[in-house]
C-alpha atoms as a PDB file:
ATOM      1  CA  UNK A   1     150.010  46.382  78.988  1.00  0.00           C
ATOM      2  CA  UNK A   2     152.257  47.669  76.195  1.00  0.00           C
ATOM      3  CA  UNK A   3     151.320  48.013  72.555  1.00  0.00           C
ATOM      4  CA  UNK A   4     153.436  47.296  69.534  1.00  0.00           C
ATOM      5  CA  UNK A   5     153.076  48.366  65.925  1.00  0.00           C
ATOM      6  CA  UNK A   6     153.023  45.416  63.574  1.00  0.00           C
ATOM      7  CA  UNK A   7     154.951  44.994  60.330  1.00  0.00           C
ATOM      8  CA  UNK A   8     153.024  44.044  57.233  1.00  0.00           C
ATOM      9  CA  UNK A   9     154.710  41.184  55.468  1.00  0.00           C
ATOM     10  CA  UNK A  10     154.110  39.167  52.313  1.00  0.00           C
ATOM     11  CA  UNK A  11     151.155  36.870  52.921  1.00  0.00           C
ATOM     12  CA  UNK A  12     150.336  33.732  50.982  1.00  0.00           C
ATOM     13  CA  UNK A  13     146.848  32.343  50.879  1.00  0.00           C
ATOM     14  CA  UNK A  14     146.770  29.235  53.029  1.00  0.00           C
ATOM     15  CA  UNK A  15     143.731  27.410  51.744  1.00  0.00           C
ATOM     16  CA  UNK A  16     143.358  28.571  48.140  1.00  0.00           C
ATOM     17  CA  UNK A  17     145.594  28.609  45.081  1.00  0.00           C
ATOM     18  CA  UNK A  18     146.583  32.281  44.829  1.00  0.00           C
ATOM     19  CA  UNK A  19     148.937  34.785  46.386  1.00  0.00           C
ATOM     20  CA  UNK A  20     148.268  37.964  48.303  1.00  0.00           C
ATOM     21  CA  UNK A  21     150.738  40.641  49.215  1.00  0.00           C
ATOM     22  CA  UNK A  22     149.947  42.598  52.338  1.00  0.00           C
ATOM     23  CA  UNK A  23     152.922  44.950  52.221  1.00  0.00           C
ATOM     24  CA  UNK A  24     156.459  45.101  53.521  1.00  0.00           C
ATOM     25  CA  UNK A  25     156.277  47.837  56.132  1.00  0.00           C
ATOM     26  CA  UNK A  26     154.449  48.926  59.259  1.00  0.00           C
ATOM     27  CA  UNK A  27     150.746  49.689  59.535  1.00  0.00           C
ATOM     28  CA  UNK A  28     148.637  50.922  62.418  1.00  0.00           C
ATOM     29  CA  UNK A  29     147.216  47.586  63.443  1.00  0.00           C
ATOM     30  CA  UNK A  30     147.996  47.370  67.153  1.00  0.00           C
ATOM     31  CA  UNK A  31     148.057  44.196  69.206  1.00  0.00           C
ATOM     32  CA  UNK A  32     148.514  43.923  72.988  1.00  0.00           C
ATOM     33  CA  UNK A  33     151.677  42.518  74.497  1.00  0.00           C
ATOM     34  CA  UNK A  34     151.799  41.521  78.129  1.00  0.00           C
ATOM     35  CA  UNK A  35     154.595  43.312  79.964  1.00  0.00           C
ATOM     36  CA  UNK A  36     157.055  41.124  81.815  1.00  0.00           C
ATOM     37  CA  UNK A  37     157.628  37.409  81.420  1.00  0.00           C
ATOM     38  CA  UNK A  38     155.567  34.341  82.094  1.00  0.00           C
ATOM     39  CA  UNK A  39     157.702  31.769  83.865  1.00  0.00           C
ATOM     40  CA  UNK A  40     157.462  28.025  84.096  1.00  0.00           C
ATOM     41  CA  UNK A  41     159.757  26.417  86.635  1.00  0.00           C
ATOM     42  CA  UNK A  42     159.861  23.145  84.739  1.00  0.00           C
ATOM     43  CA  UNK A  43     160.500  24.639  81.276  1.00  0.00           C
ATOM     44  CA  UNK A  44     159.489  21.310  79.765  1.00  0.00           C
ATOM     45  CA  UNK A  45     156.545  20.405  77.593  1.00  0.00           C
ATOM     46  CA  UNK A  46     154.419  17.302  77.989  1.00  0.00           C
ATOM     47  CA  UNK A  47     156.987  15.244  76.092  1.00  0.00           C
ATOM     48  CA  UNK A  48     159.811  16.271  78.409  1.00  0.00           C
ATOM     49  CA  UNK A  49     161.577  18.411  75.798  1.00  0.00           C
ATOM     50  CA  UNK A  50     162.962  21.831  76.678  1.00  0.00           C
ATOM     51  CA  UNK A  51     160.791  24.716  75.580  1.00  0.00           C
ATOM     52  CA  UNK A  52     160.532  28.463  76.103  1.00  0.00           C
ATOM     53  CA  UNK A  53     157.166  29.327  77.698  1.00  0.00           C
ATOM     54  CA  UNK A  54     157.312  32.832  76.209  1.00  0.00           C
ATOM     55  CA  UNK A  55     158.178  31.692  72.689  1.00  0.00           C
ATOM     56  CA  UNK A  56     155.689  30.958  69.923  1.00  0.00           C
ATOM     57  CA  UNK A  57     156.913  27.706  68.364  1.00  0.00           C
ATOM     58  CA  UNK A  58     154.294  27.423  65.648  1.00  0.00           C
ATOM     59  CA  UNK A  59     154.016  31.155  64.900  1.00  0.00           C
ATOM     60  CA  UNK A  60     150.266  31.201  65.475  1.00  0.00           C
ATOM     61  CA  UNK A  61     150.337  34.330  67.666  1.00  0.00           C
ATOM     62  CA  UNK A  62     149.876  32.407  70.950  1.00  0.00           C
ATOM     63  CA  UNK A  63     152.812  31.890  73.298  1.00  0.00           C
ATOM     64  CA  UNK A  64     153.691  28.326  74.307  1.00  0.00           C
ATOM     65  CA  UNK A  65     152.622  28.849  77.919  1.00  0.00           C
ATOM     66  CA  UNK A  66     149.061  29.721  76.908  1.00  0.00           C
ATOM     67  CA  UNK A  67     148.818  26.887  74.395  1.00  0.00           C
ATOM     68  CA  UNK A  68     150.134  24.358  76.907  1.00  0.00           C
ATOM     69  CA  UNK A  69     147.586  25.465  79.517  1.00  0.00           C
ATOM     70  CA  UNK A  70     144.831  25.167  76.901  1.00  0.00           C
ATOM     71  CA  UNK A  71     146.051  21.648  76.053  1.00  0.00           C
ATOM     72  CA  UNK A  72     147.003  22.700  72.525  1.00  0.00           C
ATOM     73  CA  UNK A  73     149.969  21.550  70.462  1.00  0.00           C
ATOM     74  CA  UNK A  74     152.651  24.249  70.681  1.00  0.00           C
ATOM     75  CA  UNK A  75     154.094  23.058  67.349  1.00  0.00           C
ATOM     76  CA  UNK A  76     150.865  23.017  65.352  1.00  0.00           C
ATOM     77  CA  UNK A  77     148.583  25.918  64.409  1.00  0.00           C
ATOM     78  CA  UNK A  78     145.666  23.465  64.099  1.00  0.00           C
ATOM     79  CA  UNK A  79     145.808  21.290  67.216  1.00  0.00           C
ATOM     80  CA  UNK A  80     142.317  19.821  66.840  1.00  0.00           C
ATOM     81  CA  UNK A  81     140.847  19.345  63.387  1.00  0.00           C
ATOM     82  CA  UNK A  82     140.846  22.118  60.789  1.00  0.00           C
ATOM     83  CA  UNK A  83     140.055  25.104  63.021  1.00  0.00           C
ATOM     84  CA  UNK A  84     142.929  27.512  63.621  1.00  0.00           C
ATOM     85  CA  UNK A  85     144.088  27.573  67.263  1.00  0.00           C
ATOM     86  CA  UNK A  86     143.997  31.373  67.397  1.00  0.00           C
ATOM     87  CA  UNK A  87     140.403  31.425  66.182  1.00  0.00           C
ATOM     88  CA  UNK A  88     139.571  28.682  68.684  1.00  0.00           C
ATOM     89  CA  UNK A  89     140.966  30.629  71.652  1.00  0.00           C
ATOM     90  CA  UNK A  90     140.559  34.274  70.690  1.00  0.00           C
ATOM     91  CA  UNK A  91     138.050  34.420  67.868  1.00  0.00           C
ATOM     92  CA  UNK A  92     134.931  34.517  70.022  1.00  0.00           C
ATOM     93  CA  UNK A  93     133.876  35.522  73.514  1.00  0.00           C
ATOM     94  CA  UNK A  94     132.420  32.074  74.081  1.00  0.00           C
ATOM     95  CA  UNK A  95     134.726  29.103  74.652  1.00  0.00           C
ATOM     96  CA  UNK A  96     134.929  26.724  71.709  1.00  0.00           C
ATOM     97  CA  UNK A  97     135.147  23.039  72.706  1.00  0.00           C
ATOM     98  CA  UNK A  98     138.220  21.120  71.590  1.00  0.00           C
ATOM     99  CA  UNK A  99     136.138  18.658  69.607  1.00  0.00           C
ATOM    100  CA  UNK A 100     134.431  21.423  67.580  1.00  0.00           C
ATOM    101  CA  UNK A 101     135.663  21.550  63.993  1.00  0.00           C
ATOM    102  CA  UNK A 102     135.561  24.456  61.540  1.00  0.00           C
ATOM    103  CA  UNK A 103     132.409  22.973  60.011  1.00  0.00           C
ATOM    104  CA  UNK A 104     130.763  22.548  63.436  1.00  0.00           C
ATOM    105  CA  UNK A 105     131.462  26.188  64.248  1.00  0.00           C
ATOM    106  CA  UNK A 106     130.247  27.234  60.813  1.00  0.00           C
ATOM    107  CA  UNK A 107     126.932  25.500  61.480  1.00  0.00           C
ATOM    108  CA  UNK A 108     126.518  27.100  64.923  1.00  0.00           C
ATOM    109  CA  UNK A 109     127.636  30.695  64.328  1.00  0.00           C
ATOM    110  CA  UNK A 110     124.524  32.144  65.953  1.00  0.00           C
ATOM    111  CA  UNK A 111     125.805  30.831  69.294  1.00  0.00           C
ATOM    112  CA  UNK A 112     129.116  32.763  69.118  1.00  0.00           C
ATOM    113  CA  UNK A 113     130.052  36.449  69.297  1.00  0.00           C
ATOM    114  CA  UNK A 114     133.285  37.893  67.786  1.00  0.00           C
ATOM    115  CA  UNK A 115     135.767  38.787  70.499  1.00  0.00           C
ATOM    116  CA  UNK A 116     137.265  42.244  70.852  1.00  0.00           C
ATOM    117  CA  UNK A 117     141.022  41.832  71.308  1.00  0.00           C
ATOM    118  CA  UNK A 118     141.447  44.539  73.957  1.00  0.00           C
ATOM    119  CA  UNK A 119     142.389  42.195  76.803  1.00  0.00           C
ATOM    120  CA  UNK A 120     144.065  39.038  75.595  1.00  0.00           C
ATOM    121  CA  UNK A 121     146.000  36.887  78.051  1.00  0.00           C
ATOM    122  CA  UNK A 122     149.425  36.360  76.546  1.00  0.00           C
ATOM    123  CA  UNK A 123     151.558  37.744  73.791  1.00  0.00           C
ATOM    124  CA  UNK A 124     149.839  38.047  70.437  1.00  0.00           C
ATOM    125  CA  UNK A 125     152.439  40.014  68.520  1.00  0.00           C
ATOM    126  CA  UNK A 126     152.146  38.745  64.943  1.00  0.00           C
ATOM    127  CA  UNK A 127     152.894  39.554  61.335  1.00  0.00           C
ATOM    128  CA  UNK A 128     150.165  41.002  59.154  1.00  0.00           C
ATOM    129  CA  UNK A 129     150.115  37.903  56.975  1.00  0.00           C
ATOM    130  CA  UNK A 130     149.156  35.891  60.049  1.00  0.00           C
ATOM    131  CA  UNK A 131     146.406  38.351  60.946  1.00  0.00           C
ATOM    132  CA  UNK A 132     144.899  37.972  57.482  1.00  0.00           C
ATOM    133  CA  UNK A 133     145.286  34.190  57.686  1.00  0.00           C
ATOM    134  CA  UNK A 134     143.357  34.169  60.970  1.00  0.00           C
ATOM    135  CA  UNK A 135     140.625  36.305  59.441  1.00  0.00           C
ATOM    136  CA  UNK A 136     140.307  33.996  56.447  1.00  0.00           C
ATOM    137  CA  UNK A 137     140.168  30.963  58.744  1.00  0.00           C
ATOM    138  CA  UNK A 138     137.257  32.390  60.712  1.00  0.00           C
ATOM    139  CA  UNK A 139     133.943  30.933  59.469  1.00  0.00           C
ATOM    140  CA  UNK A 140     132.110  34.084  60.566  1.00  0.00           C
ATOM    141  CA  UNK A 141     134.194  36.175  58.166  1.00  0.00           C
ATOM    142  CA  UNK A 142     133.501  33.667  55.401  1.00  0.00           C
ATOM    143  CA  UNK A 143     129.781  33.838  56.174  1.00  0.00           C
ATOM    144  CA  UNK A 144     129.714  37.638  56.044  1.00  0.00           C
ATOM    145  CA  UNK A 145     131.882  37.742  52.929  1.00  0.00           C
ATOM    146  CA  UNK A 146     129.556  35.333  51.160  1.00  0.00           C
ATOM    147  CA  UNK A 147     126.273  36.846  52.283  1.00  0.00           C
ATOM    148  CA  UNK A 148     126.864  40.519  53.109  1.00  0.00           C
ATOM    149  CA  UNK A 149     130.102  41.961  51.733  1.00  0.00           C
ATOM    150  CA  UNK A 150     130.313  43.050  48.128  1.00  0.00           C
ATOM    151  CA  UNK A 151     132.223  45.499  45.963  1.00  0.00           C
ATOM    152  CA  UNK A 152     129.926  47.741  43.950  1.00  0.00           C
ATOM    153  CA  UNK A 153     131.461  49.338  40.858  1.00  0.00           C
ATOM    154  CA  UNK A 154     130.086  52.681  39.708  1.00  0.00           C
ATOM    155  CA  UNK A 155     131.046  55.460  37.294  1.00  0.00           C
ATOM    156  CA  UNK A 156     132.209  58.515  39.197  1.00  0.00           C
ATOM    157  CA  UNK A 157     132.179  61.925  37.500  1.00  0.00           C
ATOM    158  CA  UNK A 158     135.681  62.728  38.793  1.00  0.00           C
ATOM    159  CA  UNK A 159     137.534  59.401  38.982  1.00  0.00           C
ATOM    160  CA  UNK A 160     135.745  57.281  36.404  1.00  0.00           C
ATOM    161  CA  UNK A 161     135.241  53.656  37.448  1.00  0.00           C
ATOM    162  CA  UNK A 162     135.499  53.268  41.233  1.00  0.00           C
ATOM    163  CA  UNK A 163     134.609  50.501  43.671  1.00  0.00           C
ATOM    164  CA  UNK A 164     132.637  50.815  46.878  1.00  0.00           C
ATOM    165  CA  UNK A 165     132.929  48.325  49.740  1.00  0.00           C
ATOM    166  CA  UNK A 166     129.377  47.520  50.819  1.00  0.00           C
ATOM    167  CA  UNK A 167     127.776  45.584  53.652  1.00  0.00           C
ATOM    168  CA  UNK A 168     124.432  44.768  52.132  1.00  0.00           C
ATOM    169  CA  UNK A 169     123.199  48.194  51.028  1.00  0.00           C
ATOM    170  CA  UNK A 170     125.290  50.076  53.605  1.00  0.00           C
ATOM    171  CA  UNK A 171     128.962  51.129  53.617  1.00  0.00           C
ATOM    172  CA  UNK A 172     131.199  48.329  54.883  1.00  0.00           C
ATOM    173  CA  UNK A 173     133.088  50.507  57.392  1.00  0.00           C
ATOM    174  CA  UNK A 174     131.063  53.191  59.155  1.00  0.00           C
ATOM    175  CA  UNK A 175     132.568  56.575  60.132  1.00  0.00           C
ATOM    176  CA  UNK A 176     134.253  56.925  63.529  1.00  0.00           C
ATOM    177  CA  UNK A 177     136.232  54.613  65.786  1.00  0.00           C
ATOM    178  CA  UNK A 178     135.221  52.503  68.754  1.00  0.00           C
ATOM    179  CA  UNK A 179     138.213  53.680  70.781  1.00  0.00           C
ATOM    180  CA  UNK A 180     141.632  55.005  69.834  1.00  0.00           C
ATOM    181  CA  UNK A 181     144.499  52.461  69.936  1.00  0.00           C
ATOM    182  CA  UNK A 182     142.260  49.568  70.938  1.00  0.00           C
ATOM    183  CA  UNK A 183     142.992  46.538  68.738  1.00  0.00           C
ATOM    184  CA  UNK A 184     139.892  45.118  67.106  1.00  0.00           C
ATOM    185  CA  UNK A 185     139.470  41.662  65.661  1.00  0.00           C
ATOM    186  CA  UNK A 186     138.929  42.405  61.920  1.00  0.00           C
ATOM    187  CA  UNK A 187     135.967  40.024  62.002  1.00  0.00           C
ATOM    188  CA  UNK A 188     134.383  42.036  64.822  1.00  0.00           C
ATOM    189  CA  UNK A 189     134.351  45.027  62.441  1.00  0.00           C
ATOM    190  CA  UNK A 190     131.544  43.174  60.689  1.00  0.00           C
ATOM    191  CA  UNK A 191     129.551  42.785  63.878  1.00  0.00           C
ATOM    192  CA  UNK A 192     127.727  45.634  65.617  1.00  0.00           C
ATOM    193  CA  UNK A 193     129.025  49.160  65.006  1.00  0.00           C
ATOM    194  CA  UNK A 194     131.408  48.301  62.139  1.00  0.00           C
ATOM    195  CA  UNK A 195     133.855  51.003  63.189  1.00  0.00           C
ATOM    196  CA  UNK A 196     137.628  50.787  63.413  1.00  0.00           C
ATOM    197  CA  UNK A 197     140.964  52.395  62.574  1.00  0.00           C
ATOM    198  CA  UNK A 198     142.460  52.686  59.102  1.00  0.00           C
ATOM    199  CA  UNK A 199     144.789  49.771  59.911  1.00  0.00           C
ATOM    200  CA  UNK A 200     141.928  47.545  60.980  1.00  0.00           C
ATOM    201  CA  UNK A 201     139.961  48.498  57.875  1.00  0.00           C
ATOM    202  CA  UNK A 202     143.034  47.760  55.722  1.00  0.00           C
ATOM    203  CA  UNK A 203     143.354  44.285  57.247  1.00  0.00           C
ATOM    204  CA  UNK A 204     139.703  43.591  56.514  1.00  0.00           C
ATOM    205  CA  UNK A 205     140.008  44.933  52.947  1.00  0.00           C
ATOM    206  CA  UNK A 206     143.039  42.707  52.339  1.00  0.00           C
ATOM    207  CA  UNK A 207     141.081  39.650  53.488  1.00  0.00           C
ATOM    208  CA  UNK A 208     138.151  40.596  51.222  1.00  0.00           C
ATOM    209  CA  UNK A 209     140.500  41.034  48.253  1.00  0.00           C
ATOM    210  CA  UNK A 210     142.214  37.763  49.124  1.00  0.00           C
ATOM    211  CA  UNK A 211     138.925  35.881  49.051  1.00  0.00           C
ATOM    212  CA  UNK A 212     138.367  37.225  45.538  1.00  0.00           C
ATOM    213  CA  UNK A 213     141.820  36.314  44.216  1.00  0.00           C
ATOM    214  CA  UNK A 214     142.725  40.012  43.906  1.00  0.00           C
ATOM    215  CA  UNK A 215     146.424  40.780  44.293  1.00  0.00           C
ATOM    216  CA  UNK A 216     146.906  43.498  46.918  1.00  0.00           C
ATOM    217  CA  UNK A 217     149.472  45.170  49.131  1.00  0.00           C
ATOM    218  CA  UNK A 218     149.387  47.376  52.223  1.00  0.00           C
ATOM    219  CA  UNK A 219     150.813  50.883  51.907  1.00  0.00           C
ATOM    220  CA  UNK A 220     151.702  53.268  54.720  1.00  0.00           C
ATOM    221  CA  UNK A 221     151.438  57.000  54.206  1.00  0.00           C
ATOM    222  CA  UNK A 222     151.779  60.268  56.067  1.00  0.00           C
ATOM    223  CA  UNK A 223     148.867  62.649  55.564  1.00  0.00           C
ATOM    224  CA  UNK A 224     149.165  66.402  55.055  1.00  0.00           C
ATOM    225  CA  UNK A 225     149.059  66.762  58.856  1.00  0.00           C
ATOM    226  CA  UNK A 226     151.846  64.154  59.283  1.00  0.00           C
ATOM    227  CA  UNK A 227     149.375  61.633  60.683  1.00  0.00           C
ATOM    228  CA  UNK A 228     150.094  57.969  59.954  1.00  0.00           C
ATOM    229  CA  UNK A 229     147.576  56.294  57.690  1.00  0.00           C
ATOM    230  CA  UNK A 230     147.208  52.869  56.093  1.00  0.00           C
ATOM    231  CA  UNK A 231     145.618  51.997  52.750  1.00  0.00           C
ATOM    232  CA  UNK A 232     145.604  48.980  50.426  1.00  0.00           C
ATOM    233  CA  UNK A 233     146.621  48.922  46.777  1.00  0.00           C
ATOM    234  CA  UNK A 234     145.157  46.233  44.550  1.00  0.00           C
ATOM    235  CA  UNK A 235     145.514  45.122  40.948  1.00  0.00           C
ATOM    236  CA  UNK A 236     142.235  44.807  39.051  1.00  0.00           C
ATOM    237  CA  UNK A 237     141.979  44.369  35.264  1.00  0.00           C
ATOM    238  CA  UNK A 238     145.590  45.460  34.864  1.00  0.00           C
ATOM    239  CA  UNK A 239     145.106  48.714  36.793  1.00  0.00           C
ATOM    240  CA  UNK A 240     146.270  49.629  40.299  1.00  0.00           C
ATOM    241  CA  UNK A 241     143.594  50.917  42.658  1.00  0.00           C
ATOM    242  CA  UNK A 242     143.840  52.343  46.176  1.00  0.00           C
ATOM    243  CA  UNK A 243     141.333  51.215  48.835  1.00  0.00           C
ATOM    244  CA  UNK A 244     140.868  53.737  51.634  1.00  0.00           C
ATOM    245  CA  UNK A 245     138.907  53.454  54.895  1.00  0.00           C
ATOM    246  CA  UNK A 246     136.179  55.623  53.349  1.00  0.00           C
ATOM    247  CA  UNK A 247     135.239  52.379  51.524  1.00  0.00           C
ATOM    248  CA  UNK A 248     136.289  53.754  48.128  1.00  0.00           C
ATOM    249  CA  UNK A 249     138.531  51.905  45.662  1.00  0.00           C
ATOM    250  CA  UNK A 250     139.969  54.553  43.314  1.00  0.00           C
ATOM    251  CA  UNK A 251     142.448  54.125  40.472  1.00  0.00           C
ATOM    252  CA  UNK A 252     145.888  55.137  41.726  1.00  0.00           C
ATOM    253  CA  UNK A 253     147.001  57.035  38.644  1.00  0.00           C
ATOM    254  CA  UNK A 254     150.488  57.761  37.372  1.00  0.00           C
ATOM    255  CA  UNK A 255     153.459  58.537  39.579  1.00  0.00           C
ATOM    256  CA  UNK A 256     153.588  62.296  40.143  1.00  0.00           C
ATOM    257  CA  UNK A 257     149.920  62.622  39.230  1.00  0.00           C
ATOM    258  CA  UNK A 258     148.287  60.043  41.471  1.00  0.00           C
ATOM    259  CA  UNK A 259     145.675  59.859  44.194  1.00  0.00           C
ATOM    260  CA  UNK A 260     148.542  60.254  46.665  1.00  0.00           C
ATOM    261  CA  UNK A 261     149.438  63.611  45.144  1.00  0.00           C
ATOM    262  CA  UNK A 262     145.811  64.728  45.164  1.00  0.00           C
ATOM    263  CA  UNK A 263     145.385  63.845  48.839  1.00  0.00           C
ATOM    264  CA  UNK A 264     148.855  65.161  49.703  1.00  0.00           C
ATOM    265  CA  UNK A 265     149.888  61.792  51.096  1.00  0.00           C
ATOM    266  CA  UNK A 266     153.547  60.832  51.347  1.00  0.00           C
ATOM    267  CA  UNK A 267     154.341  57.144  50.944  1.00  0.00           C
ATOM    268  CA  UNK A 268     156.423  56.046  53.906  1.00  0.00           C
ATOM    269  CA  UNK A 269     158.537  52.863  54.133  1.00  0.00           C
ATOM    270  CA  UNK A 270     156.303  51.243  51.575  1.00  0.00           C
ATOM    271  CA  UNK A 271     156.528  48.820  48.644  1.00  0.00           C
ATOM    272  CA  UNK A 272     157.993  49.851  45.312  1.00  0.00           C
ATOM    273  CA  UNK A 273     155.666  51.785  43.026  1.00  0.00           C
ATOM    274  CA  UNK A 274     155.586  48.895  40.560  1.00  0.00           C
ATOM    275  CA  UNK A 275     155.364  46.168  43.232  1.00  0.00           C
ATOM    276  CA  UNK A 276     152.885  44.161  41.173  1.00  0.00           C
ATOM    277  CA  UNK A 277     155.065  43.576  38.072  1.00  0.00           C
ATOM    278  CA  UNK A 278     156.667  40.383  39.376  1.00  0.00           C
ATOM    279  CA  UNK A 279     153.225  38.865  40.020  1.00  0.00           C
ATOM    280  CA  UNK A 280     151.666  39.378  36.591  1.00  0.00           C
END
């Protein structure tokens, strides 16, 4: 199994009336890609039309071959009701019946466990905007975001007003990683150990901001040791803040005298410094 680094692209909220930006570059969210090709001798779908079994017609992150075998519509991200096909197939370890709607799943969440994405059958190479869309379309994320996740604002002696991502009374993301380079469903970060990479934390932060109508963008940096790192910038009350995987949301500061300079981070192929101006 090979791994590919995913680009972060502009994401638009799919079910609410606001926009989110999740960056224009590459972040360390890794998704598995099956080596080799899946072949279908017929190369026809159920309607007799030509199709590529290894393509992803509807852009939902599931190749046509897998969707066809699961009796899903290869041209529709929501084949049955209002539950996203990716969430239906890969969101949970338990199989979700075709006739189960988003609301049905929402009312039976105790029967389902978030799935770790280490061993998915089929190509799931997707843009970051799609990853956030999947997260937002998962009723378990919505449950946690409504009942557990909050942003606590405090006055810090060094930085002034800062935000803290919280999970109840605990930090949202706990220190350490489950396993290096193992892709984790952002929703599964809320279940169990709550540990993941900076990229996985950034995806989760973006979804949390999105649910609160907070404009945000993913930024890629190199640390002082040349390690790749991903953070999220957001616009709150006219000020730009940086959300890091230590759960802190700190005001970015001015160019040349910012949090990036303090941490000795170098912005890589990232958005413009004033990326937010066209959205306000």
